[in-house]
Amino acid sequence: MISRDELMHHRLQAWLRENKCDDIEYLGEYEDTLGIMKHWYRIAEHEVSVDCIEDLELVDAESDPV
């Protein structure tokens, strides 16, 4: 069975293929501080491993009231 982290990675990869976004970028797979291989993403200015990403929700910035 696929793990939760692998499922999120596949969801993010599918989303990135279908959408253009400058705030999300796949950085690759490399070790975390404990030496465990994980998929890493840049979200805005933050580098996070896939296990830190809980969900993917689109927010339309243009519709937010000022």
PDB file of N, CA and C in Angstrom:
ATOM      1  N   MET A   1       0.839  -1.174   0.000  1.00  0.00           N
ATOM      2  CA  MET A   1       0.000   0.000   0.000  1.00  0.00           C
ATOM      3  C   MET A   1       0.895   1.252   0.000  1.00  0.00           C
ATOM      4  N   ILE A   2       0.453   2.284  -0.690  1.00  0.00           N
ATOM      5  CA  ILE A   2       1.213   3.528  -0.787  1.00  0.00           C
ATOM      6  C   ILE A   2       1.116   4.308   0.530  1.00  0.00           C
ATOM      7  N   SER A   3       2.223   4.912   0.930  1.00  0.00           N
ATOM      8  CA  SER A   3       2.231   5.674   2.181  1.00  0.00           C
ATOM      9  C   SER A   3       1.557   7.030   1.987  1.00  0.00           C
ATOM     10  N   ARG A   4       1.207   7.651   3.079  1.00  0.00           N
ATOM     11  CA  ARG A   4       0.589   8.975   3.048  1.00  0.00           C
ATOM     12  C   ARG A   4       1.529   9.987   2.391  1.00  0.00           C
ATOM     13  N   ASP A   5       2.829   9.908   2.693  1.00  0.00           N
ATOM     14  CA  ASP A   5       3.803  10.837   2.122  1.00  0.00           C
ATOM     15  C   ASP A   5       3.941  10.644   0.616  1.00  0.00           C
ATOM     16  N   GLU A   6       3.982   9.399   0.152  1.00  0.00           N
ATOM     17  CA  GLU A   6       4.070   9.131  -1.286  1.00  0.00           C
ATOM     18  C   GLU A   6       2.805   9.597  -1.999  1.00  0.00           C
ATOM     19  N   LEU A   7       1.652   9.393  -1.366  1.00  0.00           N
ATOM     20  CA  LEU A   7       0.396   9.842  -1.957  1.00  0.00           C
ATOM     21  C   LEU A   7       0.388  11.362  -2.099  1.00  0.00           C
ATOM     22  N   MET A   8       0.827  12.078  -1.075  1.00  0.00           N
ATOM     23  CA  MET A   8       0.882  13.538  -1.150  1.00  0.00           C
ATOM     24  C   MET A   8       1.871  13.980  -2.225  1.00  0.00           C
ATOM     25  N   HIS A   9       3.000  13.296  -2.325  1.00  0.00           N
ATOM     26  CA  HIS A   9       3.987  13.618  -3.355  1.00  0.00           C
ATOM     27  C   HIS A   9       3.361  13.459  -4.746  1.00  0.00           C
ATOM     28  N   HIS A  10       2.637  12.374  -4.977  1.00  0.00           N
ATOM     29  CA  HIS A  10       1.989  12.147  -6.280  1.00  0.00           C
ATOM     30  C   HIS A  10       0.909  13.198  -6.549  1.00  0.00           C
ATOM     31  N   ARG A  11       0.155  13.564  -5.529  1.00  0.00           N
ATOM     32  CA  ARG A  11      -0.857  14.619  -5.682  1.00  0.00           C
ATOM     33  C   ARG A  11      -0.210  15.947  -6.064  1.00  0.00           C
ATOM     34  N   LEU A  12       0.880  16.292  -5.386  1.00  0.00           N
ATOM     35  CA  LEU A  12       1.574  17.540  -5.695  1.00  0.00           C
ATOM     36  C   LEU A  12       2.178  17.519  -7.093  1.00  0.00           C
ATOM     37  N   GLN A  13       2.749  16.384  -7.494  1.00  0.00           N
ATOM     38  CA  GLN A  13       3.317  16.279  -8.833  1.00  0.00           C
ATOM     39  C   GLN A  13       2.233  16.443  -9.900  1.00  0.00           C
ATOM     40  N   ALA A  14       1.078  15.818  -9.680  1.00  0.00           N
ATOM     41  CA  ALA A  14      -0.036  15.955 -10.627  1.00  0.00           C
ATOM     42  C   ALA A  14      -0.496  17.402 -10.694  1.00  0.00           C
ATOM     43  N   TRP A  15      -0.609  18.050  -9.542  1.00  0.00           N
ATOM     44  CA  TRP A  15      -1.047  19.437  -9.506  1.00  0.00           C
ATOM     45  C   TRP A  15      -0.049  20.337 -10.238  1.00  0.00           C
ATOM     46  N   LEU A  16       1.249  20.102 -10.019  1.00  0.00           N
ATOM     47  CA  LEU A  16       2.276  20.915 -10.671  1.00  0.00           C
ATOM     48  C   LEU A  16       2.273  20.725 -12.184  1.00  0.00           C
ATOM     49  N   ARG A  17       1.957  19.519 -12.658  1.00  0.00           N
ATOM     50  CA  ARG A  17       1.868  19.280 -14.105  1.00  0.00           C
ATOM     51  C   ARG A  17       0.706  20.044 -14.722  1.00  0.00           C
ATOM     52  N   GLU A  18      -0.382  20.198 -13.991  1.00  0.00           N
ATOM     53  CA  GLU A  18      -1.598  20.793 -14.529  1.00  0.00           C
ATOM     54  C   GLU A  18      -1.715  22.292 -14.267  1.00  0.00           C
ATOM     55  N   ASN A  19      -0.911  22.842 -13.387  1.00  0.00           N
ATOM     56  CA  ASN A  19      -1.030  24.244 -12.998  1.00  0.00           C
ATOM     57  C   ASN A  19       0.327  24.936 -13.029  1.00  0.00           C
ATOM     58  N   LYS A  20       0.303  26.227 -13.259  1.00  0.00           N
ATOM     59  CA  LYS A  20       1.516  27.032 -13.217  1.00  0.00           C
ATOM     60  C   LYS A  20       1.493  27.842 -11.923  1.00  0.00           C
ATOM     61  N   CYS A  21       2.550  27.709 -11.148  1.00  0.00           N
ATOM     62  CA  CYS A  21       2.611  28.416  -9.874  1.00  0.00           C
ATOM     63  C   CYS A  21       4.075  28.697  -9.546  1.00  0.00           C
ATOM     64  N   ASP A  22       4.383  29.946  -9.271  1.00  0.00           N
ATOM     65  CA  ASP A  22       5.754  30.319  -8.908  1.00  0.00           C
ATOM     66  C   ASP A  22       6.057  30.067  -7.436  1.00  0.00           C
ATOM     67  N   ASP A  23       5.030  29.779  -6.636  1.00  0.00           N
ATOM     68  CA  ASP A  23       5.217  29.598  -5.198  1.00  0.00           C
ATOM     69  C   ASP A  23       5.477  28.158  -4.772  1.00  0.00           C
ATOM     70  N   ILE A  24       5.312  27.199  -5.693  1.00  0.00           N
ATOM     71  CA  ILE A  24       5.548  25.792  -5.350  1.00  0.00           C
ATOM     72  C   ILE A  24       6.504  25.196  -6.378  1.00  0.00           C
ATOM     73  N   GLU A  25       7.566  24.558  -5.869  1.00  0.00           N
ATOM     74  CA  GLU A  25       8.555  23.944  -6.747  1.00  0.00           C
ATOM     75  C   GLU A  25       9.055  22.647  -6.115  1.00  0.00           C
ATOM     76  N   TYR A  26       9.156  21.601  -6.923  1.00  0.00           N
ATOM     77  CA  TYR A  26       9.722  20.339  -6.449  1.00  0.00           C
ATOM     78  C   TYR A  26      11.242  20.464  -6.447  1.00  0.00           C
ATOM     79  N   LEU A  27      11.882  20.172  -5.331  1.00  0.00           N
ATOM     80  CA  LEU A  27      13.328  20.310  -5.194  1.00  0.00           C
ATOM     81  C   LEU A  27      14.078  18.996  -5.352  1.00  0.00           C
ATOM     82  N   GLY A  28      13.373  17.889  -5.258  1.00  0.00           N
ATOM     83  CA  GLY A  28      14.019  16.592  -5.396  1.00  0.00           C
ATOM     84  C   GLY A  28      13.877  15.756  -4.140  1.00  0.00           C
ATOM     85  N   GLU A  29      14.582  14.647  -4.155  1.00  0.00           N
ATOM     86  CA  GLU A  29      14.544  13.726  -3.020  1.00  0.00           C
ATOM     87  C   GLU A  29      15.924  13.699  -2.385  1.00  0.00           C
ATOM     88  N   TYR A  30      15.989  14.044  -1.110  1.00  0.00           N
ATOM     89  CA  TYR A  30      17.250  13.977  -0.380  1.00  0.00           C
ATOM     90  C   TYR A  30      16.980  13.782   1.102  1.00  0.00           C
ATOM     91  N   GLU A  31      18.037  13.546   1.855  1.00  0.00           N
ATOM     92  CA  GLU A  31      17.910  13.188   3.270  1.00  0.00           C
ATOM     93  C   GLU A  31      17.493  14.380   4.127  1.00  0.00           C
ATOM     94  N   ASP A  32      16.672  14.077   5.143  1.00  0.00           N
ATOM     95  CA  ASP A  32      16.331  15.093   6.139  1.00  0.00           C
ATOM     96  C   ASP A  32      17.423  15.091   7.215  1.00  0.00           C
ATOM     97  N   THR A  33      17.219  15.794   8.299  1.00  0.00           N
ATOM     98  CA  THR A  33      18.235  15.891   9.357  1.00  0.00           C
ATOM     99  C   THR A  33      18.500  14.562  10.061  1.00  0.00           C
ATOM    100  N   LEU A  34      17.548  13.617   9.948  1.00  0.00           N
ATOM    101  CA  LEU A  34      17.733  12.296  10.562  1.00  0.00           C
ATOM    102  C   LEU A  34      18.311  11.275   9.587  1.00  0.00           C
ATOM    103  N   GLY A  35      18.583  11.706   8.353  1.00  0.00           N
ATOM    104  CA  GLY A  35      19.153  10.807   7.353  1.00  0.00           C
ATOM    105  C   GLY A  35      18.115  10.001   6.580  1.00  0.00           C
ATOM    106  N   ILE A  36      16.841  10.352   6.697  1.00  0.00           N
ATOM    107  CA  ILE A  36      15.757   9.650   6.006  1.00  0.00           C
ATOM    108  C   ILE A  36      15.485  10.354   4.675  1.00  0.00           C
ATOM    109  N   MET A  37      15.454   9.581   3.578  1.00  0.00           N
ATOM    110  CA  MET A  37      15.180  10.140   2.257  1.00  0.00           C
ATOM    111  C   MET A  37      13.731  10.607   2.178  1.00  0.00           C
ATOM    112  N   LYS A  38      13.544  11.849   1.740  1.00  0.00           N
ATOM    113  CA  LYS A  38      12.202  12.426   1.609  1.00  0.00           C
ATOM    114  C   LYS A  38      12.153  13.304   0.370  1.00  0.00           C
ATOM    115  N   HIS A  39      10.939  13.522  -0.142  1.00  0.00           N
ATOM    116  CA  HIS A  39      10.722  14.462  -1.231  1.00  0.00           C
ATOM    117  C   HIS A  39      10.627  15.858  -0.622  1.00  0.00           C
ATOM    118  N   TRP A  40      11.262  16.827  -1.281  1.00  0.00           N
ATOM    119  CA  TRP A  40      11.300  18.196  -0.770  1.00  0.00           C
ATOM    120  C   TRP A  40      10.682  19.165  -1.770  1.00  0.00           C
ATOM    121  N   TYR A  41      10.001  20.165  -1.224  1.00  0.00           N
ATOM    122  CA  TYR A  41       9.350  21.196  -2.028  1.00  0.00           C
ATOM    123  C   TYR A  41       9.712  22.565  -1.479  1.00  0.00           C
ATOM    124  N   ARG A  42       9.740  23.546  -2.376  1.00  0.00           N
ATOM    125  CA  ARG A  42       9.852  24.946  -1.964  1.00  0.00           C
ATOM    126  C   ARG A  42       8.451  25.518  -2.034  1.00  0.00           C
ATOM    127  N   ILE A  43       7.964  26.013  -0.917  1.00  0.00           N
ATOM    128  CA  ILE A  43       6.663  26.672  -0.851  1.00  0.00           C
ATOM    129  C   ILE A  43       6.934  28.100  -0.392  1.00  0.00           C
ATOM    130  N   ALA A  44       6.695  29.045  -1.313  1.00  0.00           N
ATOM    131  CA  ALA A  44       7.095  30.441  -1.121  1.00  0.00           C
ATOM    132  C   ALA A  44       8.604  30.434  -0.868  1.00  0.00           C
ATOM    133  N   GLU A  45       9.071  30.920   0.273  1.00  0.00           N
ATOM    134  CA  GLU A  45      10.508  30.944   0.551  1.00  0.00           C
ATOM    135  C   GLU A  45      10.951  29.810   1.472  1.00  0.00           C
ATOM    136  N   HIS A  46      10.057  28.864   1.757  1.00  0.00           N
ATOM    137  CA  HIS A  46      10.354  27.782   2.694  1.00  0.00           C
ATOM    138  C   HIS A  46      10.629  26.463   1.969  1.00  0.00           C
ATOM    139  N   GLU A  47      11.639  25.727   2.437  1.00  0.00           N
ATOM    140  CA  GLU A  47      11.895  24.373   1.954  1.00  0.00           C
ATOM    141  C   GLU A  47      11.309  23.403   2.970  1.00  0.00           C
ATOM    142  N   VAL A  48      10.378  22.555   2.516  1.00  0.00           N
ATOM    143  CA  VAL A  48       9.714  21.620   3.417  1.00  0.00           C
ATOM    144  C   VAL A  48       9.710  20.229   2.816  1.00  0.00           C
ATOM    145  N   SER A  49       9.781  19.226   3.678  1.00  0.00           N
ATOM    146  CA  SER A  49       9.660  17.850   3.205  1.00  0.00           C
ATOM    147  C   SER A  49       8.178  17.520   3.067  1.00  0.00           C
ATOM    148  N   VAL A  50       7.899  16.537   2.224  1.00  0.00           N
ATOM    149  CA  VAL A  50       6.507  16.217   1.899  1.00  0.00           C
ATOM    150  C   VAL A  50       5.704  15.801   3.132  1.00  0.00           C
ATOM    151  N   ASP A  51       6.351  15.257   4.144  1.00  0.00           N
ATOM    152  CA  ASP A  51       5.616  14.845   5.340  1.00  0.00           C
ATOM    153  C   ASP A  51       5.120  16.035   6.161  1.00  0.00           C
ATOM    154  N   CYS A  52       5.628  17.235   5.872  1.00  0.00           N
ATOM    155  CA  CYS A  52       5.158  18.445   6.559  1.00  0.00           C
ATOM    156  C   CYS A  52       3.970  19.092   5.857  1.00  0.00           C
ATOM    157  N   ILE A  53       3.621  18.608   4.675  1.00  0.00           N
ATOM    158  CA  ILE A  53       2.517  19.170   3.907  1.00  0.00           C
ATOM    159  C   ILE A  53       1.263  18.372   4.224  1.00  0.00           C
ATOM    160  N   GLU A  54       0.255  19.034   4.762  1.00  0.00           N
ATOM    161  CA  GLU A  54      -0.972  18.354   5.168  1.00  0.00           C
ATOM    162  C   GLU A  54      -2.012  18.290   4.071  1.00  0.00           C
ATOM    163  N   ASP A  55      -2.126  19.356   3.275  1.00  0.00           N
ATOM    164  CA  ASP A  55      -3.158  19.393   2.242  1.00  0.00           C
ATOM    165  C   ASP A  55      -2.782  20.440   1.207  1.00  0.00           C
ATOM    166  N   LEU A  56      -3.431  20.365   0.075  1.00  0.00           N
ATOM    167  CA  LEU A  56      -3.226  21.338  -0.993  1.00  0.00           C
ATOM    168  C   LEU A  56      -4.547  22.034  -1.237  1.00  0.00           C
ATOM    169  N   GLU A  57      -4.586  23.318  -0.931  1.00  0.00           N
ATOM    170  CA  GLU A  57      -5.813  24.095  -1.084  1.00  0.00           C
ATOM    171  C   GLU A  57      -5.494  25.363  -1.866  1.00  0.00           C
ATOM    172  N   LEU A  58      -6.231  25.589  -2.934  1.00  0.00           N
ATOM    173  CA  LEU A  58      -6.031  26.773  -3.742  1.00  0.00           C
ATOM    174  C   LEU A  58      -6.736  27.969  -3.132  1.00  0.00           C
ATOM    175  N   VAL A  59      -6.061  29.089  -3.153  1.00  0.00           N
ATOM    176  CA  VAL A  59      -6.625  30.331  -2.643  1.00  0.00           C
ATOM    177  C   VAL A  59      -6.535  31.354  -3.760  1.00  0.00           C
ATOM    178  N   ASP A  60      -7.660  31.965  -4.092  1.00  0.00           N
ATOM    179  CA  ASP A  60      -7.694  32.977  -5.129  1.00  0.00           C
ATOM    180  C   ASP A  60      -7.417  34.333  -4.490  1.00  0.00           C
ATOM    181  N   ALA A  61      -6.197  34.840  -4.670  1.00  0.00           N
ATOM    182  CA  ALA A  61      -5.793  36.091  -4.033  1.00  0.00           C
ATOM    183  C   ALA A  61      -6.591  37.282  -4.553  1.00  0.00           C
ATOM    184  N   GLU A  62      -7.055  37.216  -5.785  1.00  0.00           N
ATOM    185  CA  GLU A  62      -7.791  38.338  -6.366  1.00  0.00           C
ATOM    186  C   GLU A  62      -9.173  38.517  -5.740  1.00  0.00           C
ATOM    187  N   SER A  63      -9.733  37.457  -5.182  1.00  0.00           N
ATOM    188  CA  SER A  63     -11.079  37.562  -4.621  1.00  0.00           C
ATOM    189  C   SER A  63     -11.075  37.963  -3.153  1.00  0.00           C
ATOM    190  N   ASP A  64      -9.892  38.044  -2.542  1.00  0.00           N
ATOM    191  CA  ASP A  64      -9.824  38.433  -1.135  1.00  0.00           C
ATOM    192  C   ASP A  64     -10.152  39.906  -0.981  1.00  0.00           C
ATOM    193  N   PRO A  65     -11.016  40.256  -0.020  1.00  0.00           N
ATOM    194  CA  PRO A  65     -11.319  41.660   0.194  1.00  0.00           C
ATOM    195  C   PRO A  65     -10.124  42.403   0.791  1.00  0.00           C
ATOM    196  N   VAL A  66      -9.986  43.639   0.433  1.00  0.00           N
ATOM    197  CA  VAL A  66      -8.846  44.450   0.914  1.00  0.00           C
ATOM    198  C   VAL A  66      -9.255  45.234   2.132  1.00  0.00           C
TER     199      VAL A  66
END
